[in-house]
Amino acid sequence: MSLVSSLRHSIFVRIYAGLLIVCLCVALFAQLLMDTINQERMQTYRENMATGAFYLVSEGLAHQESETQREYWLSDASSLFGSTFRIVPIENIDFSASERRRFESGETVVRYVSQPAYADVYHRLPDDKVLTVRVSQVTEQQVRAMAVFLLDDLSYYATLPEKRARLTELENKFSYPLTLDTIDTFDLDDDQLARLRRDEVVILLQDSNSSQGNSSIKIVIPSEINDMAVLMGPIPLFNWFPLNLIISMVLISMFLISLGVYALIFPLERKLQLIQVGVNEVSDGNLDVQVQVIGQDEIARLSATFNAMTSHIKRLIESQRELTRAVSHELRTPVARIRFAVDMLADT
């Protein structure tokens, strides 16, 4: 029982256990914070990726002259995309204030549901309607459909300068660059060149092990202009652990651990300061000082020992004073008698 009690009041055990608890709490907090930040980053990434594609779909609808043509075009787009596009009135869906602000700035809203995993994508149309589609997962079919939507949009611009100007305008809606250049500048192998000449979309993966940094993909789309193609990208793939986020988490964790260590050390430092104040008072001759005893650890026992020591010193000094007064009294009596006798002899 004494061993358990001594361990419970041990400063080493308290600091070690407290530091372990602080590290665990900081680790859990860092994990929760990173998950929260990544969820926000992922939501922004989804919406940025969807904005450009759905803007192309809305532009394709705007180019249709009649409602029947719009329905046919939307049906073809749904077949090409692999999911059904629908147009619904905006008042039929309860959008939040932040989602409406995204609509006002011309951006797309993505509502992601984890179980089961799917995302509802909404893009506002000019006539107070929204274009919506439910996407379960991003596939190569959807990437190729986006390339077709881009080519369809560029088909309304006849000359090369007009197409390049349109791509520059579309870059404001996309989160990655769009360029129209000759095929020779894209560094394609023979198989990719053959597929491109067969009017197939070529998707290039750039690994993160390369000197360019994070993983990304490039989409090379054959153009109606001979020996020229449209390059979409590089499109950065989502990185769950970017370097700046890891550095931020490390710095935040170190700061929180330092606060936890300070909270563990401060009570001990305060107790030592109280003892130091008591020692200074005793060195100045004030033996009435009493150090406050807090807790039951080694420093508390040191404070109690210090108080007992000062009380003992005070009792010793009081005893010395009593002895000195008694000796002085005993010495004054015979001296007074001798002085009286001497005075009497002087008078005789």
Protein backbone atom coordinates (compact mmCIF):
# COMPACT_ATOMS: atom_id res chain seq x y z
CA MET A 1 0.00 0.00 0.00
CA SER A 2 2.89 2.33 0.79
CA LEU A 3 4.38 1.62 -2.65
CA VAL A 4 1.10 2.52 -4.34
CA SER A 5 0.84 5.69 -2.27
CA SER A 6 4.42 6.68 -3.04
CA LEU A 7 3.88 6.12 -6.74
CA ARG A 8 0.67 8.13 -6.64
CA HIS A 9 2.45 11.10 -5.07
CA SER A 10 5.66 10.73 -7.11
CA ILE A 11 6.57 13.78 -9.17
CA PHE A 12 8.14 11.63 -11.88
CA VAL A 13 5.03 9.48 -12.25
CA ARG A 14 2.77 12.52 -12.31
CA ILE A 15 4.82 14.30 -14.97
CA TYR A 16 5.30 11.15 -17.06
CA ALA A 17 1.62 10.18 -16.89
CA GLY A 18 0.53 13.77 -17.51
CA LEU A 19 2.84 14.06 -20.53
CA LEU A 20 1.49 10.78 -21.91
CA ILE A 21 -2.10 12.01 -21.53
CA VAL A 22 -1.21 15.35 -23.14
CA CYS A 23 0.40 13.59 -26.13
CA LEU A 24 -2.62 11.32 -26.59
CA CYS A 25 -5.04 14.25 -26.39
CA VAL A 26 -2.96 16.29 -28.83
CA ALA A 27 -2.77 13.33 -31.24
CA LEU A 28 -6.55 12.86 -31.14
CA PHE A 29 -7.09 16.59 -31.60
CA ALA A 30 -4.63 16.72 -34.53
CA GLN A 31 -6.37 13.75 -36.16
CA LEU A 32 -9.78 15.37 -35.74
CA LEU A 33 -8.50 18.72 -37.00
CA MET A 34 -6.82 17.13 -40.03
CA ASP A 35 -9.97 15.19 -40.88
CA THR A 36 -12.06 18.36 -40.62
CA ILE A 37 -9.64 20.36 -42.77
CA ASN A 38 -9.41 17.57 -45.35
CA GLN A 39 -13.19 17.33 -45.55
CA GLU A 40 -13.37 21.06 -46.29
CA ARG A 41 -10.51 20.78 -48.79
CA MET A 42 -12.17 17.81 -50.47
CA GLN A 43 -15.49 19.65 -50.69
CA THR A 44 -13.77 22.63 -52.30
CA TYR A 45 -11.90 20.30 -54.65
CA ARG A 46 -15.13 18.59 -55.75
CA GLU A 47 -16.90 21.87 -56.39
CA ASN A 48 -13.94 23.34 -58.29
CA MET A 49 -13.70 20.24 -60.48
CA ALA A 50 -17.45 20.22 -61.16
CA THR A 51 -17.81 23.92 -61.94
CA GLY A 52 -16.06 23.82 -65.30
CA ALA A 53 -17.77 20.65 -66.56
CA PHE A 54 -21.25 21.80 -65.61
CA TYR A 55 -20.61 25.22 -67.06
CA LEU A 56 -19.91 23.49 -70.39
CA VAL A 57 -23.18 21.56 -70.09
CA SER A 58 -25.12 24.73 -69.34
CA GLU A 59 -23.48 26.45 -72.33
CA GLY A 60 -24.41 23.51 -74.52
CA LEU A 61 -28.03 23.87 -73.41
CA ALA A 62 -27.94 27.60 -74.07
CA HIS A 63 -26.86 26.99 -77.68
CA GLN A 64 -30.03 24.95 -78.36
CA GLU A 65 -32.74 27.03 -79.97
CA SER A 66 -35.89 25.21 -78.88
CA GLU A 67 -37.09 23.28 -75.86
CA THR A 68 -37.23 20.07 -77.89
CA GLN A 69 -33.63 20.49 -78.96
CA ARG A 70 -32.68 21.12 -75.34
CA GLU A 71 -34.33 17.90 -74.26
CA TYR A 72 -32.62 15.89 -77.00
CA TRP A 73 -29.25 17.46 -76.25
CA LEU A 74 -29.62 16.82 -72.52
CA SER A 75 -30.60 13.20 -73.19
CA ASP A 76 -27.52 12.71 -75.35
CA ALA A 77 -25.38 14.36 -72.71
CA SER A 78 -26.79 12.03 -70.04
CA SER A 79 -25.99 8.97 -72.15
CA LEU A 80 -22.51 10.25 -72.78
CA PHE A 81 -21.90 11.18 -69.12
CA GLY A 82 -23.30 7.94 -67.71
CA SER A 83 -25.73 9.71 -65.34
CA THR A 84 -29.05 11.41 -65.95
CA PHE A 85 -29.07 15.20 -66.09
CA ARG A 86 -32.23 16.87 -64.81
CA ILE A 87 -33.47 20.45 -64.81
CA VAL A 88 -35.56 21.42 -61.78
CA PRO A 89 -36.83 24.76 -60.44
CA ILE A 90 -34.48 26.26 -57.88
CA GLU A 91 -37.27 26.72 -55.33
CA ASN A 92 -37.85 22.95 -55.24
CA ILE A 93 -34.52 22.45 -53.46
CA ASP A 94 -33.65 23.96 -50.08
CA PHE A 95 -30.24 25.58 -50.61
CA SER A 96 -28.30 27.13 -47.76
CA ALA A 97 -27.06 30.71 -47.77
CA SER A 98 -23.50 29.64 -48.64
CA GLU A 99 -24.77 27.50 -51.52
CA ARG A 100 -26.78 30.41 -52.87
CA ARG A 101 -23.69 32.60 -52.68
CA ARG A 102 -21.86 30.02 -54.78
CA PHE A 103 -24.68 30.17 -57.33
CA GLU A 104 -24.42 33.96 -57.43
CA SER A 105 -20.71 33.73 -58.19
CA GLY A 106 -21.36 31.25 -61.01
CA GLU A 107 -19.97 28.22 -59.17
CA THR A 108 -21.34 24.71 -58.77
CA VAL A 109 -22.70 23.20 -55.55
CA VAL A 110 -21.82 19.62 -54.59
CA ARG A 111 -23.62 17.78 -51.81
CA TYR A 112 -21.65 14.69 -50.88
CA VAL A 113 -23.16 11.78 -48.93
CA SER A 114 -20.71 9.23 -47.52
CA GLN A 115 -23.14 6.34 -46.87
CA PRO A 116 -23.98 5.30 -49.50
CA ALA A 117 -21.29 7.18 -51.37
CA TYR A 118 -22.69 9.57 -53.94
CA ALA A 119 -22.73 13.28 -54.74
CA ASP A 120 -25.59 15.48 -55.93
CA VAL A 121 -24.24 18.22 -58.18
CA TYR A 122 -26.19 21.42 -58.83
CA HIS A 123 -25.47 24.18 -61.35
CA ARG A 124 -27.71 27.20 -61.65
CA LEU A 125 -29.16 28.07 -65.06
CA PRO A 126 -30.14 31.60 -66.11
CA ASP A 127 -33.92 31.06 -65.80
CA ASP A 128 -34.02 30.32 -62.02
CA LYS A 129 -33.57 26.62 -62.64
CA VAL A 130 -30.80 24.28 -61.66
CA LEU A 131 -29.09 21.55 -63.64
CA THR A 132 -28.53 18.55 -61.39
CA VAL A 133 -27.11 15.05 -61.62
CA ARG A 134 -26.26 12.33 -59.11
CA VAL A 135 -22.73 10.92 -59.41
CA SER A 136 -21.73 7.76 -57.59
CA GLN A 137 -18.08 7.83 -58.62
CA VAL A 138 -15.83 9.62 -61.07
CA THR A 139 -15.05 7.36 -64.03
CA GLU A 140 -13.12 7.58 -67.26
CA GLN A 141 -16.44 7.82 -69.10
CA GLN A 142 -17.21 11.10 -67.36
CA VAL A 143 -13.73 12.44 -68.17
CA ARG A 144 -14.25 11.62 -71.84
CA ALA A 145 -17.71 13.16 -71.71
CA MET A 146 -16.21 16.39 -70.38
CA ALA A 147 -13.78 16.39 -73.31
CA VAL A 148 -16.69 16.00 -75.73
CA PHE A 149 -18.55 18.87 -74.04
CA LEU A 150 -15.47 21.04 -74.49
CA LEU A 151 -15.15 20.17 -78.18
CA ASP A 152 -18.85 20.88 -78.64
CA ASP A 153 -18.40 24.30 -77.09
CA LEU A 154 -15.36 25.07 -79.25
CA SER A 155 -17.25 24.05 -82.40
CA TYR A 156 -19.20 27.33 -82.21
CA TYR A 157 -15.93 29.24 -82.81
CA ALA A 158 -14.56 28.94 -86.31
CA THR A 159 -11.02 30.31 -86.35
CA LEU A 160 -7.98 29.34 -84.28
CA PRO A 161 -7.71 32.75 -82.51
CA GLU A 162 -11.39 32.54 -81.56
CA LYS A 163 -10.93 29.03 -80.14
CA ARG A 164 -7.91 30.11 -78.11
CA ALA A 165 -9.76 33.16 -76.86
CA ARG A 166 -12.66 30.92 -75.83
CA LEU A 167 -10.28 28.60 -73.97
CA THR A 168 -8.82 31.59 -72.15
CA GLU A 169 -12.34 32.62 -71.19
CA LEU A 170 -13.20 29.10 -70.00
CA GLU A 171 -10.12 28.96 -67.78
CA ASN A 172 -11.97 31.29 -65.39
CA LYS A 173 -14.43 28.45 -64.75
CA PHE A 174 -11.86 25.68 -64.58
CA SER A 175 -9.28 25.22 -61.83
CA TYR A 176 -6.63 24.09 -64.31
CA PRO A 177 -5.27 25.44 -67.61
CA LEU A 178 -6.75 24.83 -71.06
CA THR A 179 -4.49 25.14 -74.10
CA LEU A 180 -4.77 24.53 -77.82
CA ASP A 181 -1.45 23.60 -79.38
CA THR A 182 0.20 21.33 -81.91
CA ILE A 183 0.38 17.60 -81.15
CA ASP A 184 4.19 17.59 -81.25
CA THR A 185 4.38 19.71 -78.10
CA PHE A 186 2.58 17.14 -75.90
CA ASP A 187 5.38 14.51 -75.76
CA LEU A 188 3.19 11.53 -76.70
CA ASP A 189 4.37 8.06 -77.60
CA ASP A 190 3.44 6.27 -80.83
CA ASP A 191 0.42 4.49 -79.36
CA GLN A 192 -0.98 7.70 -77.91
CA LEU A 193 -0.42 9.52 -81.19
CA ALA A 194 -2.25 6.77 -83.06
CA ARG A 195 -5.20 6.95 -80.65
CA LEU A 196 -5.26 10.72 -81.01
CA ARG A 197 -5.35 10.45 -84.80
CA ARG A 198 -8.30 8.07 -84.41
CA ASP A 199 -10.10 10.93 -82.62
CA GLU A 200 -9.78 9.24 -79.24
CA VAL A 201 -9.23 11.10 -76.00
CA VAL A 202 -5.83 10.41 -74.43
CA ILE A 203 -5.46 10.53 -70.64
CA LEU A 204 -1.96 10.94 -69.22
CA LEU A 205 -1.09 10.21 -65.60
CA GLN A 206 1.77 12.10 -64.01
CA ASP A 207 3.03 10.37 -60.88
CA SER A 208 3.99 12.29 -57.74
CA ASN A 209 7.48 10.69 -57.85
CA SER A 210 8.35 12.98 -60.71
CA SER A 211 9.90 16.38 -60.28
CA GLN A 212 6.56 18.12 -60.79
CA GLY A 213 5.25 17.41 -57.27
CA ASN A 214 1.76 16.04 -56.67
CA SER A 215 0.09 13.48 -58.92
CA SER A 216 -1.96 14.88 -61.75
CA ILE A 217 -3.58 13.90 -65.01
CA LYS A 218 -3.61 15.50 -68.43
CA ILE A 219 -6.37 15.07 -70.98
CA VAL A 220 -5.39 15.44 -74.62
CA ILE A 221 -8.44 16.00 -76.87
CA PRO A 222 -8.19 15.77 -80.67
CA SER A 223 -9.22 18.99 -82.33
CA GLU A 224 -11.02 19.54 -85.61
CA ILE A 225 -7.93 21.47 -86.70
CA ASN A 226 -5.31 19.18 -88.25
CA ASP A 227 -2.24 18.33 -86.11
CA MET A 228 -3.63 20.30 -83.17
CA ALA A 229 -5.19 19.17 -79.91
CA VAL A 230 -6.64 20.64 -76.75
CA LEU A 231 -4.79 19.97 -73.52
CA MET A 232 -6.76 20.01 -70.29
CA GLY A 233 -4.48 20.16 -67.31
CA PRO A 234 -2.40 19.25 -65.57
CA ILE A 235 -5.37 18.45 -63.32
CA PRO A 236 -4.04 17.92 -59.77
CA LEU A 237 -5.35 14.85 -57.98
CA PHE A 238 -6.49 15.40 -54.44
CA ASN A 239 -3.64 15.05 -51.95
CA TRP A 240 -4.80 14.07 -48.47
CA PHE A 241 -1.47 14.88 -46.85
CA PRO A 242 0.11 17.95 -48.46
CA LEU A 243 3.39 19.15 -47.02
CA ASN A 244 2.02 22.47 -45.76
CA LEU A 245 -0.80 20.71 -43.90
CA ILE A 246 1.63 18.25 -42.28
CA ILE A 247 3.94 21.09 -41.21
CA SER A 248 0.98 23.01 -39.79
CA MET A 249 -0.21 19.96 -37.84
CA VAL A 250 3.31 19.39 -36.45
CA LEU A 251 3.64 23.03 -35.37
CA ILE A 252 0.17 23.05 -33.78
CA SER A 253 0.89 19.75 -32.00
CA MET A 254 4.21 21.04 -30.68
CA PHE A 255 2.53 24.21 -29.43
CA LEU A 256 -0.24 22.26 -27.67
CA ILE A 257 2.26 19.83 -26.13
CA SER A 258 4.33 22.75 -24.87
CA LEU A 259 1.21 24.22 -23.26
CA GLY A 260 0.44 20.86 -21.66
CA VAL A 261 4.00 20.51 -20.34
CA TYR A 262 3.87 24.04 -18.95
CA ALA A 263 0.58 23.22 -17.22
CA LEU A 264 2.28 20.19 -15.65
CA ILE A 265 5.44 22.05 -14.58
CA PHE A 266 3.85 25.31 -13.42
CA PRO A 267 2.40 23.95 -10.11
CA LEU A 268 5.80 22.49 -9.21
CA GLU A 269 7.52 25.74 -10.14
CA ARG A 270 5.02 27.65 -8.01
CA LYS A 271 5.72 25.43 -5.00
CA LEU A 272 9.48 25.90 -5.41
CA GLN A 273 8.99 29.66 -5.65
CA LEU A 274 7.07 29.60 -2.35
CA ILE A 275 9.92 27.69 -0.72
CA GLN A 276 12.44 30.17 -2.15
CA VAL A 277 10.44 33.06 -0.68
CA GLY A 278 10.48 31.32 2.71
CA VAL A 279 14.25 30.78 2.52
CA ASN A 280 14.76 34.46 1.70
CA GLU A 281 12.61 35.48 4.68
CA VAL A 282 14.59 33.21 7.02
CA SER A 283 17.89 34.57 5.69
CA ASP A 284 16.59 38.07 6.55
CA GLY A 285 15.93 36.94 10.13
CA ASN A 286 12.17 36.43 9.93
CA LEU A 287 11.57 33.07 11.61
CA ASP A 288 7.80 33.52 11.78
CA VAL A 289 7.40 32.70 8.08
CA GLN A 290 5.47 29.54 7.16
CA VAL A 291 5.54 28.08 3.63
CA GLN A 292 2.17 26.96 2.31
CA VAL A 293 1.99 23.17 1.99
CA ILE A 294 0.12 22.12 -1.21
CA GLY A 295 -0.50 18.47 -2.05
CA GLN A 296 1.33 15.41 -0.80
CA ASP A 297 4.28 15.08 -3.17
CA GLU A 298 8.00 15.46 -2.45
CA ILE A 299 7.91 19.24 -2.69
CA ALA A 300 4.98 19.37 -0.26
CA ARG A 301 6.97 17.22 2.18
CA LEU A 302 9.94 19.54 1.66
CA SER A 303 7.72 22.52 2.51
CA ALA A 304 6.49 20.79 5.67
CA THR A 305 10.08 19.96 6.66
CA PHE A 306 11.10 23.56 6.06
CA ASN A 307 8.27 24.79 8.30
CA ALA A 308 9.27 22.31 11.01
CA MET A 309 12.90 23.40 10.71
CA THR A 310 12.11 27.11 11.08
CA SER A 311 9.85 26.35 14.08
CA HIS A 312 12.64 24.29 15.66
CA ILE A 313 15.21 27.05 15.05
CA LYS A 314 12.81 29.56 16.55
CA ARG A 315 12.39 27.36 19.66
CA LEU A 316 16.16 27.00 19.99
CA ILE A 317 16.65 30.72 19.79
CA GLU A 318 13.91 31.29 22.37
CA SER A 319 15.55 28.69 24.65
CA GLN A 320 18.89 30.44 24.21
CA ARG A 321 17.32 33.75 25.14
CA GLU A 322 15.70 32.24 28.25
CA LEU A 323 19.04 30.74 29.28
CA THR A 324 20.80 34.04 28.72
CA ARG A 325 18.22 35.94 30.79
CA ALA A 326 18.47 33.36 33.62
CA VAL A 327 22.27 33.49 33.66
CA SER A 328 22.18 37.26 33.59
CA HIS A 329 19.78 37.30 36.57
CA GLU A 330 21.94 34.91 38.54
CA LEU A 331 25.02 37.02 37.83
CA ARG A 332 23.39 40.35 38.65
CA THR A 333 22.47 39.35 42.25
CA PRO A 334 25.99 38.65 43.63
CA VAL A 335 27.42 41.57 41.73
CA ALA A 336 24.86 43.84 43.34
CA ARG A 337 25.80 42.48 46.79
CA ILE A 338 29.49 43.05 46.14
CA ARG A 339 28.80 46.58 44.98
CA PHE A 340 26.72 47.24 48.12
CA ALA A 341 29.50 45.87 50.34
CA VAL A 342 32.10 48.00 48.62
CA ASP A 343 29.97 51.08 49.07
CA MET A 344 29.59 50.28 52.80
CA LEU A 345 33.37 49.91 53.18
CA ALA A 346 33.85 53.20 51.45
CA ASP A 347 31.51 54.91 53.90
CA THR A 348 33.27 53.24 56.89
